[in-house]
Amino acid sequence: MSRFWPEPLKHEPWADAYELAVLEKDSSKLASRIQTAKTEIALRISELSEMPTLSGKRNELDSINRAIQVLRRLAEHAPLRKTAV
């Protein structure tokens, strides 16, 4: 999967969960996908906060922040999406 991410991020569980949420076309599954992505992101933020230094992780944190913004917008507009046929 992981069409959205550079090589270092494309194997992160949060990135996979985020991508599944963004690409979900079935509105009945969307809320669950968004919640899973938020959970994976929270876990990764927790892991990153325990690291002694964040050097080299700044790009990932920037990506996480953008992903959180997109998930918020997606959740706001989820009721407007039509179920895929």
C-alpha atoms as a PDB file:
ATOM      1  CA  MET A   1       0.000   0.000   0.000  1.00  0.00           C
ATOM      2  CA  SER A   2       1.413   3.394   1.045  1.00  0.00           C
ATOM      3  CA  ARG A   3       1.254   5.416  -2.136  1.00  0.00           C
ATOM      4  CA  PHE A   4       1.310   8.631  -0.098  1.00  0.00           C
ATOM      5  CA  TRP A   5       4.511   8.270   1.871  1.00  0.00           C
ATOM      6  CA  PRO A   6       8.245   8.407   1.286  1.00  0.00           C
ATOM      7  CA  GLU A   7      10.112   5.162   1.932  1.00  0.00           C
ATOM      8  CA  PRO A   8      10.828   5.624   5.680  1.00  0.00           C
ATOM      9  CA  LEU A   9       7.142   6.191   6.497  1.00  0.00           C
ATOM     10  CA  LYS A  10       5.439   3.749   4.229  1.00  0.00           C
ATOM     11  CA  HIS A  11       5.886   0.832   6.606  1.00  0.00           C
ATOM     12  CA  GLU A  12       4.501   2.630   9.653  1.00  0.00           C
ATOM     13  CA  PRO A  13       1.155   1.212  10.855  1.00  0.00           C
ATOM     14  CA  TRP A  14      -0.253   4.710  11.324  1.00  0.00           C
ATOM     15  CA  ALA A  15       0.515   5.583   7.693  1.00  0.00           C
ATOM     16  CA  ASP A  16      -1.219   2.433   6.431  1.00  0.00           C
ATOM     17  CA  ALA A  17      -4.274   3.073   8.628  1.00  0.00           C
ATOM     18  CA  TYR A  18      -4.411   6.700   7.491  1.00  0.00           C
ATOM     19  CA  GLU A  19      -4.229   5.696   3.847  1.00  0.00           C
ATOM     20  CA  LEU A  20      -7.041   3.169   4.290  1.00  0.00           C
ATOM     21  CA  ALA A  21      -9.218   5.885   5.831  1.00  0.00           C
ATOM     22  CA  VAL A  22      -8.509   8.391   3.079  1.00  0.00           C
ATOM     23  CA  LEU A  23      -9.177   5.867   0.327  1.00  0.00           C
ATOM     24  CA  GLU A  24     -12.317   4.330   1.908  1.00  0.00           C
ATOM     25  CA  LYS A  25     -15.296   4.712  -0.411  1.00  0.00           C
ATOM     26  CA  ASP A  26     -17.868   2.883   1.677  1.00  0.00           C
ATOM     27  CA  SER A  27     -19.358   5.478   4.021  1.00  0.00           C
ATOM     28  CA  SER A  28     -20.498   2.732   6.402  1.00  0.00           C
ATOM     29  CA  LYS A  29     -16.841   1.821   7.031  1.00  0.00           C
ATOM     30  CA  LEU A  30     -15.389   5.314   7.045  1.00  0.00           C
ATOM     31  CA  ALA A  31     -15.902   6.180  10.731  1.00  0.00           C
ATOM     32  CA  SER A  32     -14.201   2.951  11.765  1.00  0.00           C
ATOM     33  CA  ARG A  33     -11.264   3.583   9.415  1.00  0.00           C
ATOM     34  CA  ILE A  34     -10.868   7.125  10.747  1.00  0.00           C
ATOM     35  CA  GLN A  35     -10.906   5.883  14.351  1.00  0.00           C
ATOM     36  CA  THR A  36      -8.337   3.187  13.580  1.00  0.00           C
ATOM     37  CA  ALA A  37      -6.065   5.770  11.952  1.00  0.00           C
ATOM     38  CA  LYS A  38      -6.415   8.121  14.942  1.00  0.00           C
ATOM     39  CA  THR A  39      -5.563   5.258  17.313  1.00  0.00           C
ATOM     40  CA  GLU A  40      -2.470   4.280  15.306  1.00  0.00           C
ATOM     41  CA  ILE A  41      -1.359   7.918  15.163  1.00  0.00           C
ATOM     42  CA  ALA A  42      -1.768   8.289  18.941  1.00  0.00           C
ATOM     43  CA  LEU A  43       0.321   5.144  19.489  1.00  0.00           C
ATOM     44  CA  ARG A  44       3.072   6.469  17.229  1.00  0.00           C
ATOM     45  CA  ILE A  45       3.086   9.878  18.918  1.00  0.00           C
ATOM     46  CA  SER A  46       3.478   8.060  22.240  1.00  0.00           C
ATOM     47  CA  GLU A  47       6.421   6.062  20.863  1.00  0.00           C
ATOM     48  CA  LEU A  48       8.051   9.194  19.481  1.00  0.00           C
ATOM     49  CA  SER A  49       7.629  11.067  22.764  1.00  0.00           C
ATOM     50  CA  GLU A  50       9.578   8.344  24.564  1.00  0.00           C
ATOM     51  CA  MET A  51      12.584   8.686  22.251  1.00  0.00           C
ATOM     52  CA  PRO A  52      15.504  10.584  23.769  1.00  0.00           C
ATOM     53  CA  THR A  53      15.836  12.739  20.648  1.00  0.00           C
ATOM     54  CA  LEU A  54      13.515  13.541  17.784  1.00  0.00           C
ATOM     55  CA  SER A  55      16.291  14.194  15.309  1.00  0.00           C
ATOM     56  CA  GLY A  56      15.387  12.488  12.076  1.00  0.00           C
ATOM     57  CA  LYS A  57      11.748  12.221  13.106  1.00  0.00           C
ATOM     58  CA  ARG A  58      10.723  15.814  12.308  1.00  0.00           C
ATOM     59  CA  ASN A  59       9.454  14.783   8.843  1.00  0.00           C
ATOM     60  CA  GLU A  60       7.334  12.054  10.373  1.00  0.00           C
ATOM     61  CA  LEU A  61       5.874  14.461  12.927  1.00  0.00           C
ATOM     62  CA  ASP A  62       5.040  16.904  10.137  1.00  0.00           C
ATOM     63  CA  SER A  63       3.346  14.078   8.227  1.00  0.00           C
ATOM     64  CA  ILE A  64       1.424  13.064  11.343  1.00  0.00           C
ATOM     65  CA  ASN A  65       0.189  16.633  11.831  1.00  0.00           C
ATOM     66  CA  ARG A  66      -1.005  16.825   8.221  1.00  0.00           C
ATOM     67  CA  ALA A  67      -2.693  13.420   8.553  1.00  0.00           C
ATOM     68  CA  ILE A  68      -4.548  14.541  11.680  1.00  0.00           C
ATOM     69  CA  GLN A  69      -5.837  17.621   9.845  1.00  0.00           C
ATOM     70  CA  VAL A  70      -7.035  15.538   6.904  1.00  0.00           C
ATOM     71  CA  LEU A  71      -8.740  12.999   9.182  1.00  0.00           C
ATOM     72  CA  ARG A  72     -10.585  15.837  10.951  1.00  0.00           C
ATOM     73  CA  ARG A  73     -11.842  17.207   7.648  1.00  0.00           C
ATOM     74  CA  LEU A  74     -12.741  13.736   6.442  1.00  0.00           C
ATOM     75  CA  ALA A  75     -14.738  13.066   9.618  1.00  0.00           C
ATOM     76  CA  GLU A  76     -16.550  16.398   9.260  1.00  0.00           C
ATOM     77  CA  HIS A  77     -17.571  15.596   5.702  1.00  0.00           C
ATOM     78  CA  ALA A  78     -18.160  11.858   6.141  1.00  0.00           C
ATOM     79  CA  PRO A  79     -21.968  12.243   6.325  1.00  0.00           C
ATOM     80  CA  LEU A  80     -21.871  13.898   2.908  1.00  0.00           C
ATOM     81  CA  ARG A  81     -20.107  11.000   1.203  1.00  0.00           C
ATOM     82  CA  LYS A  82     -22.177   8.473  -0.670  1.00  0.00           C
ATOM     83  CA  THR A  83     -21.806   4.746  -0.202  1.00  0.00           C
ATOM     84  CA  ALA A  84     -19.873   3.128  -3.016  1.00  0.00           C
ATOM     85  CA  VAL A  85     -21.841   0.778  -5.222  1.00  0.00           C
END
